[in-house]
Amino acid sequence: MHISEGVLSGSVLISGGMLAAAGTAVGLKKLDYDRIAHVSMLSASFFIASLIHVPVGPSNVHLILNGIVGLILGWAAFPAILVALLLQAVLFQFGGITSLGVNTIIMAMPSVLCYYFFKSLILKKPAISITGAFACGFFSVFFSAVLFGLSLMTTDENFLKISGIVMVAHFPVMIIEGIITAFFIIFIKKVQPSMLPGFSP
């Protein structure tokens, strides 16, 4: 769901860059530096998940995992995702340097939103926990698709049709991300529950 170079207007790029810088600053301020290894691991997972992608208009369809990143890291998802997107832009030309701020907002803001929406459900009974994890994975991609569409339409109303196509194309990804997030939470609760937000031994 990267937006390529030369697609967005200057005002959208500047606004996205400023918001991404603010989010990253908050993320670094809130980052627990004892959890740098977790941040690095999740940033790498986000990076790898995007390597297999299918082009759709000015964007592409691929696994994102931003729900998992947000659920574990909270605001620290901003710097983690920013670094991964920067490496993707530099090494593989996914997205671009000028659109880095907008792409960071598209991926990281839903991560933080889903962290606040669903973190309280993860440590509850299994049925509630699994449902919350699935919803986190599903809606993180859904919100990203919405922000993607808004970024395009703010640039040019003619992008409305493309935004709709991208939203529909990502619906299967939303379901798959929900399932992956649910299995991830089940696994983490068994092997290392201390990674989860709000866990107290």
C-alpha atoms as a PDB file:
ATOM      1  CA  MET A   1       0.000   0.000   0.000  1.00  0.00           C
ATOM      2  CA  HIS A   2       2.947   2.276  -0.704  1.00  0.00           C
ATOM      3  CA  ILE A   3       2.251   5.452  -2.645  1.00  0.00           C
ATOM      4  CA  SER A   4       4.881   5.949  -5.328  1.00  0.00           C
ATOM      5  CA  GLU A   5       6.925   9.048  -6.113  1.00  0.00           C
ATOM      6  CA  GLY A   6       5.262  11.757  -8.189  1.00  0.00           C
ATOM      7  CA  VAL A   7       1.655  10.823  -7.346  1.00  0.00           C
ATOM      8  CA  LEU A   8       0.767  13.155  -4.483  1.00  0.00           C
ATOM      9  CA  SER A   9       0.613  16.951  -4.436  1.00  0.00           C
ATOM     10  CA  GLY A  10       3.221  18.993  -2.618  1.00  0.00           C
ATOM     11  CA  SER A  11       0.811  20.054   0.121  1.00  0.00           C
ATOM     12  CA  VAL A  12      -0.119  16.441   0.892  1.00  0.00           C
ATOM     13  CA  LEU A  13       3.546  15.389   0.960  1.00  0.00           C
ATOM     14  CA  ILE A  14       4.471  18.250   3.309  1.00  0.00           C
ATOM     15  CA  SER A  15       1.508  17.580   5.619  1.00  0.00           C
ATOM     16  CA  GLY A  16       2.305  13.863   5.703  1.00  0.00           C
ATOM     17  CA  GLY A  17       5.958  14.556   6.433  1.00  0.00           C
ATOM     18  CA  MET A  18       5.124  16.879   9.321  1.00  0.00           C
ATOM     19  CA  LEU A  19       2.626  14.440  10.851  1.00  0.00           C
ATOM     20  CA  ALA A  20       5.061  11.537  10.462  1.00  0.00           C
ATOM     21  CA  ALA A  21       7.825  13.563  12.119  1.00  0.00           C
ATOM     22  CA  ALA A  22       5.511  14.409  15.034  1.00  0.00           C
ATOM     23  CA  GLY A  23       4.397  10.786  15.417  1.00  0.00           C
ATOM     24  CA  THR A  24       7.989   9.555  15.285  1.00  0.00           C
ATOM     25  CA  ALA A  25       9.038  12.101  17.914  1.00  0.00           C
ATOM     26  CA  VAL A  26       6.259  10.921  20.231  1.00  0.00           C
ATOM     27  CA  GLY A  27       7.194   7.306  19.513  1.00  0.00           C
ATOM     28  CA  LEU A  28      10.847   7.869  20.388  1.00  0.00           C
ATOM     29  CA  LYS A  29       9.885   9.731  23.541  1.00  0.00           C
ATOM     30  CA  LYS A  30       7.598   6.908  24.696  1.00  0.00           C
ATOM     31  CA  LEU A  31       9.969   4.133  23.591  1.00  0.00           C
ATOM     32  CA  ASP A  32      11.227   1.880  26.365  1.00  0.00           C
ATOM     33  CA  TYR A  33      14.851   1.441  25.340  1.00  0.00           C
ATOM     34  CA  ASP A  34      14.974  -1.915  27.129  1.00  0.00           C
ATOM     35  CA  ARG A  35      12.674  -3.122  24.333  1.00  0.00           C
ATOM     36  CA  ILE A  36      14.887  -2.088  21.420  1.00  0.00           C
ATOM     37  CA  ALA A  37      15.213  -5.755  20.408  1.00  0.00           C
ATOM     38  CA  HIS A  38      11.403  -6.048  20.136  1.00  0.00           C
ATOM     39  CA  VAL A  39      11.224  -2.868  18.078  1.00  0.00           C
ATOM     40  CA  SER A  40      13.955  -4.095  15.732  1.00  0.00           C
ATOM     41  CA  MET A  41      12.341  -7.509  15.343  1.00  0.00           C
ATOM     42  CA  LEU A  42       8.923  -6.069  14.513  1.00  0.00           C
ATOM     43  CA  SER A  43      10.406  -3.471  12.175  1.00  0.00           C
ATOM     44  CA  ALA A  44      12.177  -6.301  10.315  1.00  0.00           C
ATOM     45  CA  SER A  45       8.939  -8.320  10.183  1.00  0.00           C
ATOM     46  CA  PHE A  46       7.103  -5.346   8.685  1.00  0.00           C
ATOM     47  CA  PHE A  47       9.952  -4.911   6.179  1.00  0.00           C
ATOM     48  CA  ILE A  48       9.928  -8.563   5.074  1.00  0.00           C
ATOM     49  CA  ALA A  49       6.127  -8.798   4.843  1.00  0.00           C
ATOM     50  CA  SER A  50       6.146  -6.184   2.070  1.00  0.00           C
ATOM     51  CA  LEU A  51       8.700  -7.889  -0.151  1.00  0.00           C
ATOM     52  CA  ILE A  52       6.056  -9.954  -1.993  1.00  0.00           C
ATOM     53  CA  HIS A  53       3.574  -7.537  -3.525  1.00  0.00           C
ATOM     54  CA  VAL A  54       1.117  -7.218  -6.408  1.00  0.00           C
ATOM     55  CA  PRO A  55       0.879  -3.824  -8.201  1.00  0.00           C
ATOM     56  CA  VAL A  56      -2.579  -2.164  -8.129  1.00  0.00           C
ATOM     57  CA  GLY A  57      -2.699   1.291  -9.748  1.00  0.00           C
ATOM     58  CA  PRO A  58      -0.231   3.653  -8.052  1.00  0.00           C
ATOM     59  CA  SER A  59       0.094   1.239  -5.117  1.00  0.00           C
ATOM     60  CA  ASN A  60       0.439  -2.497  -4.424  1.00  0.00           C
ATOM     61  CA  VAL A  61      -1.170  -5.263  -2.365  1.00  0.00           C
ATOM     62  CA  HIS A  62       0.867  -7.232   0.172  1.00  0.00           C
ATOM     63  CA  LEU A  63       0.904  -8.341   3.795  1.00  0.00           C
ATOM     64  CA  ILE A  64       1.525  -5.430   6.161  1.00  0.00           C
ATOM     65  CA  LEU A  65       1.496  -6.669   9.799  1.00  0.00           C
ATOM     66  CA  ASN A  66       1.014  -3.139  11.100  1.00  0.00           C
ATOM     67  CA  GLY A  67      -1.657  -4.399  13.502  1.00  0.00           C
ATOM     68  CA  ILE A  68       0.877  -6.649  15.227  1.00  0.00           C
ATOM     69  CA  VAL A  69       3.499  -3.889  15.245  1.00  0.00           C
ATOM     70  CA  GLY A  70       1.077  -1.420  16.798  1.00  0.00           C
ATOM     71  CA  LEU A  71      -0.341  -3.867  19.317  1.00  0.00           C
ATOM     72  CA  ILE A  72       3.095  -4.694  20.719  1.00  0.00           C
ATOM     73  CA  LEU A  73       4.819  -1.311  20.373  1.00  0.00           C
ATOM     74  CA  GLY A  74       2.109   1.359  20.693  1.00  0.00           C
ATOM     75  CA  TRP A  75       3.537   4.748  19.675  1.00  0.00           C
ATOM     76  CA  ALA A  76       6.929   3.151  19.046  1.00  0.00           C
ATOM     77  CA  ALA A  77       5.328   1.738  15.884  1.00  0.00           C
ATOM     78  CA  PHE A  78       6.066   5.100  14.243  1.00  0.00           C
ATOM     79  CA  PRO A  79       9.888   4.890  14.323  1.00  0.00           C
ATOM     80  CA  ALA A  80       9.794   1.130  13.657  1.00  0.00           C
ATOM     81  CA  ILE A  81       7.643   1.526  10.542  1.00  0.00           C
ATOM     82  CA  LEU A  82       9.501   4.646   9.383  1.00  0.00           C
ATOM     83  CA  VAL A  83      12.831   2.786   9.364  1.00  0.00           C
ATOM     84  CA  ALA A  84      11.327  -0.186   7.503  1.00  0.00           C
ATOM     85  CA  LEU A  85       9.697   2.067   4.878  1.00  0.00           C
ATOM     86  CA  LEU A  86      12.922   4.023   4.415  1.00  0.00           C
ATOM     87  CA  LEU A  87      14.869   0.815   3.761  1.00  0.00           C
ATOM     88  CA  GLN A  88      12.188  -0.413   1.352  1.00  0.00           C
ATOM     89  CA  ALA A  89      12.337   2.878  -0.560  1.00  0.00           C
ATOM     90  CA  VAL A  90      16.127   2.922  -0.732  1.00  0.00           C
ATOM     91  CA  LEU A  91      16.762  -0.770  -1.422  1.00  0.00           C
ATOM     92  CA  PHE A  92      13.752  -1.800  -3.501  1.00  0.00           C
ATOM     93  CA  GLN A  93      12.127   1.453  -4.669  1.00  0.00           C
ATOM     94  CA  PHE A  94       8.851   0.575  -2.883  1.00  0.00           C
ATOM     95  CA  GLY A  95       7.111   3.893  -2.266  1.00  0.00           C
ATOM     96  CA  GLY A  96       9.656   6.698  -2.354  1.00  0.00           C
ATOM     97  CA  ILE A  97      11.660   9.196  -0.344  1.00  0.00           C
ATOM     98  CA  THR A  98       9.365  12.168  -0.984  1.00  0.00           C
ATOM     99  CA  SER A  99       6.273  10.106  -0.102  1.00  0.00           C
ATOM    100  CA  LEU A 100       7.934   8.537   2.956  1.00  0.00           C
ATOM    101  CA  GLY A 101       6.052  10.750   5.416  1.00  0.00           C
ATOM    102  CA  VAL A 102       2.643  10.015   3.909  1.00  0.00           C
ATOM    103  CA  ASN A 103       3.382   6.283   3.678  1.00  0.00           C
ATOM    104  CA  THR A 104       4.479   6.299   7.323  1.00  0.00           C
ATOM    105  CA  ILE A 105       1.203   7.922   8.380  1.00  0.00           C
ATOM    106  CA  ILE A 106      -0.798   5.445   6.278  1.00  0.00           C
ATOM    107  CA  MET A 107       0.878   2.490   8.005  1.00  0.00           C
ATOM    108  CA  ALA A 108       1.728   3.748  11.494  1.00  0.00           C
ATOM    109  CA  MET A 109      -1.330   5.792  12.470  1.00  0.00           C
ATOM    110  CA  PRO A 110      -3.687   2.774  12.195  1.00  0.00           C
ATOM    111  CA  SER A 111      -1.165   0.789  14.252  1.00  0.00           C
ATOM    112  CA  VAL A 112      -1.405   3.290  17.106  1.00  0.00           C
ATOM    113  CA  LEU A 113      -5.202   3.551  16.819  1.00  0.00           C
ATOM    114  CA  CYS A 114      -5.585  -0.233  16.980  1.00  0.00           C
ATOM    115  CA  TYR A 115      -3.237  -0.339  19.966  1.00  0.00           C
ATOM    116  CA  TYR A 116      -5.624   1.880  21.921  1.00  0.00           C
ATOM    117  CA  PHE A 117      -8.763   0.194  20.594  1.00  0.00           C
ATOM    118  CA  PHE A 118      -7.788  -3.433  21.211  1.00  0.00           C
ATOM    119  CA  LYS A 119      -4.949  -3.683  23.777  1.00  0.00           C
ATOM    120  CA  SER A 120      -7.389  -4.112  26.668  1.00  0.00           C
ATOM    121  CA  LEU A 121      -8.904  -7.204  25.012  1.00  0.00           C
ATOM    122  CA  ILE A 122      -5.698  -9.154  24.435  1.00  0.00           C
ATOM    123  CA  LEU A 123      -5.162 -10.327  28.032  1.00  0.00           C
ATOM    124  CA  LYS A 124      -8.777 -11.387  28.602  1.00  0.00           C
ATOM    125  CA  LYS A 125     -10.326 -14.843  28.149  1.00  0.00           C
ATOM    126  CA  PRO A 126      -9.259 -16.720  24.975  1.00  0.00           C
ATOM    127  CA  ALA A 127     -12.442 -16.049  22.978  1.00  0.00           C
ATOM    128  CA  ILE A 128     -12.287 -12.305  23.665  1.00  0.00           C
ATOM    129  CA  SER A 129      -8.518 -12.196  23.157  1.00  0.00           C
ATOM    130  CA  ILE A 130      -8.678 -13.952  19.777  1.00  0.00           C
ATOM    131  CA  THR A 131     -11.567 -11.766  18.620  1.00  0.00           C
ATOM    132  CA  GLY A 132      -9.710  -8.627  19.667  1.00  0.00           C
ATOM    133  CA  ALA A 133      -6.531  -9.767  17.927  1.00  0.00           C
ATOM    134  CA  PHE A 134      -8.416 -10.565  14.713  1.00  0.00           C
ATOM    135  CA  ALA A 135     -10.137  -7.170  14.820  1.00  0.00           C
ATOM    136  CA  CYS A 136      -6.773  -5.469  15.381  1.00  0.00           C
ATOM    137  CA  GLY A 137      -5.266  -7.108  12.295  1.00  0.00           C
ATOM    138  CA  PHE A 138      -8.364  -6.501  10.178  1.00  0.00           C
ATOM    139  CA  PHE A 139      -8.928  -2.856  11.080  1.00  0.00           C
ATOM    140  CA  SER A 140      -5.261  -1.878  10.941  1.00  0.00           C
ATOM    141  CA  VAL A 141      -5.322  -2.682   7.205  1.00  0.00           C
ATOM    142  CA  PHE A 142      -8.805  -1.164   6.809  1.00  0.00           C
ATOM    143  CA  PHE A 143      -7.738   2.147   8.364  1.00  0.00           C
ATOM    144  CA  SER A 144      -4.573   2.132   6.249  1.00  0.00           C
ATOM    145  CA  ALA A 145      -6.667   1.690   3.114  1.00  0.00           C
ATOM    146  CA  VAL A 146      -8.903   4.589   4.200  1.00  0.00           C
ATOM    147  CA  LEU A 147      -5.900   6.869   4.804  1.00  0.00           C
ATOM    148  CA  PHE A 148      -4.446   5.763   1.476  1.00  0.00           C
ATOM    149  CA  GLY A 149      -7.667   6.765  -0.291  1.00  0.00           C
ATOM    150  CA  LEU A 150      -7.869  10.083   1.527  1.00  0.00           C
ATOM    151  CA  SER A 151      -4.262  10.881   0.570  1.00  0.00           C
ATOM    152  CA  LEU A 152      -5.022  10.261  -3.094  1.00  0.00           C
ATOM    153  CA  MET A 153      -8.349  12.094  -3.113  1.00  0.00           C
ATOM    154  CA  THR A 154      -6.840  15.094  -1.332  1.00  0.00           C
ATOM    155  CA  THR A 155      -4.418  15.318  -4.234  1.00  0.00           C
ATOM    156  CA  ASP A 156      -7.000  14.808  -6.998  1.00  0.00           C
ATOM    157  CA  GLU A 157     -10.686  13.795  -6.881  1.00  0.00           C
ATOM    158  CA  ASN A 158     -10.096  11.684 -10.000  1.00  0.00           C
ATOM    159  CA  PHE A 159      -8.280   9.191  -7.735  1.00  0.00           C
ATOM    160  CA  LEU A 160     -11.623   8.215  -6.141  1.00  0.00           C
ATOM    161  CA  LYS A 161     -12.053   5.182  -8.415  1.00  0.00           C
ATOM    162  CA  ILE A 162      -8.509   3.983  -7.808  1.00  0.00           C
ATOM    163  CA  SER A 163      -9.008   4.389  -4.057  1.00  0.00           C
ATOM    164  CA  GLY A 164     -12.087   2.164  -4.263  1.00  0.00           C
ATOM    165  CA  ILE A 165     -10.186  -0.473  -6.232  1.00  0.00           C
ATOM    166  CA  VAL A 166      -7.368  -0.499  -3.691  1.00  0.00           C
ATOM    167  CA  MET A 167      -9.869  -0.816  -0.825  1.00  0.00           C
ATOM    168  CA  VAL A 168     -11.571  -3.806  -2.474  1.00  0.00           C
ATOM    169  CA  ALA A 169      -8.229  -5.391  -3.383  1.00  0.00           C
ATOM    170  CA  HIS A 170      -7.126  -5.208   0.254  1.00  0.00           C
ATOM    171  CA  PHE A 171     -10.243  -6.850   1.689  1.00  0.00           C
ATOM    172  CA  PRO A 172      -8.719 -10.365   1.482  1.00  0.00           C
ATOM    173  CA  VAL A 173      -5.556  -8.935   3.061  1.00  0.00           C
ATOM    174  CA  MET A 174      -7.655  -7.572   5.940  1.00  0.00           C
ATOM    175  CA  ILE A 175      -8.997 -11.060   6.657  1.00  0.00           C
ATOM    176  CA  ILE A 176      -5.586 -12.716   6.339  1.00  0.00           C
ATOM    177  CA  GLU A 177      -3.991 -10.095   8.590  1.00  0.00           C
ATOM    178  CA  GLY A 178      -6.728 -10.671  11.164  1.00  0.00           C
ATOM    179  CA  ILE A 179      -6.045 -14.418  11.169  1.00  0.00           C
ATOM    180  CA  ILE A 180      -2.270 -13.946  11.363  1.00  0.00           C
ATOM    181  CA  THR A 181      -2.632 -11.470  14.233  1.00  0.00           C
ATOM    182  CA  ALA A 182      -4.921 -13.854  16.129  1.00  0.00           C
ATOM    183  CA  PHE A 183      -2.447 -16.753  15.782  1.00  0.00           C
ATOM    184  CA  PHE A 184       0.420 -14.443  16.723  1.00  0.00           C
ATOM    185  CA  ILE A 185      -1.296 -13.380  19.939  1.00  0.00           C
ATOM    186  CA  ILE A 186      -2.125 -16.997  20.844  1.00  0.00           C
ATOM    187  CA  PHE A 187       1.530 -17.910  20.353  1.00  0.00           C
ATOM    188  CA  ILE A 188       2.945 -14.918  22.244  1.00  0.00           C
ATOM    189  CA  LYS A 189       0.596 -15.477  25.193  1.00  0.00           C
ATOM    190  CA  LYS A 190       2.054 -18.970  25.522  1.00  0.00           C
ATOM    191  CA  VAL A 191       5.761 -18.295  25.020  1.00  0.00           C
ATOM    192  CA  GLN A 192       6.409 -14.655  26.016  1.00  0.00           C
ATOM    193  CA  PRO A 193       3.351 -12.860  27.393  1.00  0.00           C
ATOM    194  CA  SER A 194       5.563 -10.080  28.767  1.00  0.00           C
ATOM    195  CA  MET A 195       5.657  -8.649  25.225  1.00  0.00           C
ATOM    196  CA  LEU A 196       1.941  -7.862  25.403  1.00  0.00           C
ATOM    197  CA  PRO A 197       0.675  -4.436  26.513  1.00  0.00           C
ATOM    198  CA  GLY A 198      -0.578  -4.328  30.091  1.00  0.00           C
ATOM    199  CA  PHE A 199       0.911  -7.716  31.066  1.00  0.00           C
ATOM    200  CA  SER A 200       1.837  -8.078  34.722  1.00  0.00           C
ATOM    201  CA  PRO A 201       3.365 -11.361  35.988  1.00  0.00           C
END
